C-alpha atoms as a PDB file:
ATOM      1  CA  MET A   1       0.029 -16.371  -8.048  1.00  0.00           C
ATOM      2  CA  GLY A   2      -1.711 -12.891  -8.305  1.00  0.00           C
ATOM      3  CA  ARG A   3      -4.282 -11.844  -5.630  1.00  0.00           C
ATOM      4  CA  PHE A   4      -6.085  -8.712  -6.136  1.00  0.00           C
ATOM      5  CA  GLY A   5      -7.010  -6.391  -3.343  1.00  0.00           C
ATOM      6  CA  ALA A   6      -8.781  -3.087  -2.476  1.00  0.00           C
ATOM      7  CA  TRP A   7      -7.589  -0.409  -1.116  1.00  0.00           C
ATOM      8  CA  ASP A   8      -8.797   3.478   0.013  1.00  0.00           C
ATOM      9  CA  LEU A   9      -6.798   6.235   0.817  1.00  0.00           C
ATOM     10  CA  ASP A  10      -7.629   9.316   2.687  1.00  0.00           C
ATOM     11  CA  PRO A  11      -5.116  11.601   2.515  1.00  0.00           C
ATOM     12  CA  ARG A  12      -6.137  14.101   4.512  1.00  0.00           C
ATOM     13  CA  LEU A  13      -6.681  11.844   7.610  1.00  0.00           C
ATOM     14  CA  GLU A  14      -3.574   9.616   6.758  1.00  0.00           C
ATOM     15  CA  GLN A  15      -5.460   6.233   6.944  1.00  0.00           C
ATOM     16  CA  VAL A  16      -6.026   3.779   4.471  1.00  0.00           C
ATOM     17  CA  HIS A  17      -8.727   0.823   4.504  1.00  0.00           C
ATOM     18  CA  TYR A  18      -7.844  -2.270   3.027  1.00  0.00           C
ATOM     19  CA  SER A  19      -9.979  -5.208   2.167  1.00  0.00           C
ATOM     20  CA  PRO A  20     -10.132  -8.212   4.511  1.00  0.00           C
ATOM     21  CA  GLN A  21      -8.841 -10.020   1.951  1.00  0.00           C
ATOM     22  CA  TRP A  22      -6.057  -8.443   0.811  1.00  0.00           C
ATOM     23  CA  LYS A  23      -4.750  -8.113   4.806  1.00  0.00           C
ATOM     24  CA  ALA A  24      -5.579 -11.985   5.469  1.00  0.00           C
ATOM     25  CA  HIS A  25      -3.322 -12.931   2.763  1.00  0.00           C
ATOM     26  CA  LEU A  26      -0.258 -10.774   3.489  1.00  0.00           C
ATOM     27  CA  GLY A  27      -0.944 -11.825   7.566  1.00  0.00           C
ATOM     28  CA  PHE A  28      -2.026  -8.495   8.939  1.00  0.00           C
ATOM     29  CA  PRO A  29      -3.486  -8.006  11.793  1.00  0.00           C
ATOM     30  CA  ARG A  30      -7.191  -5.887  12.536  1.00  0.00           C
ATOM     31  CA  LEU A  31      -8.461  -7.103   9.143  1.00  0.00           C
ATOM     32  CA  ALA A  32     -11.488  -4.514   9.172  1.00  0.00           C
ATOM     33  CA  ALA A  33      -9.666  -1.914  10.568  1.00  0.00           C
ATOM     34  CA  ALA A  34      -8.396   1.088   9.375  1.00  0.00           C
ATOM     35  CA  ASP A  35      -4.586   1.631   9.382  1.00  0.00           C
ATOM     36  CA  SER A  36      -2.342   4.515   9.446  1.00  0.00           C
ATOM     37  CA  THR A  37      -0.464   5.791   6.563  1.00  0.00           C
ATOM     38  CA  SER A  38       3.070   5.085   7.997  1.00  0.00           C
ATOM     39  CA  PHE A  39       1.877   1.573   9.034  1.00  0.00           C
ATOM     40  CA  TRP A  40       1.823   0.722   4.862  1.00  0.00           C
ATOM     41  CA  ARG A  41       4.776   3.006   4.048  1.00  0.00           C
ATOM     42  CA  CYS A  42       7.237   1.304   6.864  1.00  0.00           C
ATOM     43  CA  ARG A  43       6.778  -1.839   5.050  1.00  0.00           C
ATOM     44  CA  VAL A  44       7.643  -0.686   1.555  1.00  0.00           C
ATOM     45  CA  HIS A  45      11.204  -2.118   0.726  1.00  0.00           C
ATOM     46  CA  PRO A  46      13.788   0.584   1.559  1.00  0.00           C
ATOM     47  CA  ALA A  47      14.620   0.683  -1.995  1.00  0.00           C
ATOM     48  CA  ASP A  48      11.041   1.120  -3.260  1.00  0.00           C
ATOM     49  CA  VAL A  49       9.753   3.610  -1.422  1.00  0.00           C
ATOM     50  CA  ASP A  50      11.103   7.095  -2.932  1.00  0.00           C
ATOM     51  CA  ALA A  51       9.350   5.925  -6.222  1.00  0.00           C
ATOM     52  CA  MET A  52       6.077   4.742  -4.544  1.00  0.00           C
ATOM     53  CA  MET A  53       6.016   8.247  -2.685  1.00  0.00           C
ATOM     54  CA  HIS A  54       6.664   9.957  -5.828  1.00  0.00           C
ATOM     55  CA  SER A  55       4.151   8.266  -7.873  1.00  0.00           C
ATOM     56  CA  LEU A  56       1.907   8.762  -5.172  1.00  0.00           C
ATOM     57  CA  ARG A  57       2.408  12.333  -4.710  1.00  0.00           C
ATOM     58  CA  ALA A  58       2.254  13.385  -8.432  1.00  0.00           C
ATOM     59  CA  HIS A  59      -1.049  12.013  -8.101  1.00  0.00           C
ATOM     60  CA  LEU A  60      -2.574  13.405  -5.211  1.00  0.00           C
ATOM     61  CA  ASP A  61      -0.871  16.919  -6.416  1.00  0.00           C
ATOM     62  CA  GLY A  62      -2.905  16.839 -10.001  1.00  0.00           C
ATOM     63  CA  GLN A  63       0.176  15.920 -11.681  1.00  0.00           C
ATOM     64  CA  ALA A  64      -0.763  12.621 -13.169  1.00  0.00           C
ATOM     65  CA  ASP A  65      -4.118  11.125 -14.096  1.00  0.00           C
ATOM     66  CA  HIS A  66      -3.793   8.251 -12.077  1.00  0.00           C
ATOM     67  CA  TYR A  67      -1.582   6.090  -9.587  1.00  0.00           C
ATOM     68  CA  SER A  68       0.422   3.359 -10.262  1.00  0.00           C
ATOM     69  CA  ALA A  69       3.647   1.567  -8.756  1.00  0.00           C
ATOM     70  CA  CYS A  70       5.145  -1.424  -8.460  1.00  0.00           C
ATOM     71  CA  PHE A  71       7.060  -1.844  -4.917  1.00  0.00           C
ATOM     72  CA  ARG A  72       8.215  -4.987  -2.327  1.00  0.00           C
ATOM     73  CA  LEU A  73       6.067  -4.836   0.405  1.00  0.00           C
ATOM     74  CA  ARG A  74       7.048  -6.533   3.610  1.00  0.00           C
ATOM     75  CA  SER A  75       4.472  -9.175   5.194  1.00  0.00           C
ATOM     76  CA  ASN A  76       4.100 -10.790   8.355  1.00  0.00           C
ATOM     77  CA  GLY A  77       6.426 -13.682   8.193  1.00  0.00           C
ATOM     78  CA  SER A  78       6.930 -14.504   4.809  1.00  0.00           C
ATOM     79  CA  GLY A  79       9.594 -11.869   3.712  1.00  0.00           C
ATOM     80  CA  TYR A  80       8.830  -9.067   0.873  1.00  0.00           C
ATOM     81  CA  ARG A  81       6.085  -9.487  -1.926  1.00  0.00           C
ATOM     82  CA  THR A  82       6.010  -7.946  -5.105  1.00  0.00           C
ATOM     83  CA  MET A  83       2.851  -5.413  -5.401  1.00  0.00           C
ATOM     84  CA  VAL A  84       1.069  -3.604  -8.251  1.00  0.00           C
ATOM     85  CA  SER A  85      -0.570  -0.871  -6.902  1.00  0.00           C
ATOM     86  CA  ARG A  86      -3.275   1.521  -8.380  1.00  0.00           C
END
């Protein structure tokens, strides 16, 4: 089943805010609090992290008009889930 979750990245502060619904669906704690980018980056499947970071970096550096990546993200207690992130 597909789920929609919103997130807002502040690369200067290395913080990301996720919607409480998205965090709750994946079993993440602190539903309303911002997390460090390292919190979510360490949960990306090791085989997917380079491609995901390349796509994000290309967008932040102005080499791509938008960010879009598909990767597996480790949730709390239920293994990896496939994510499409934009």
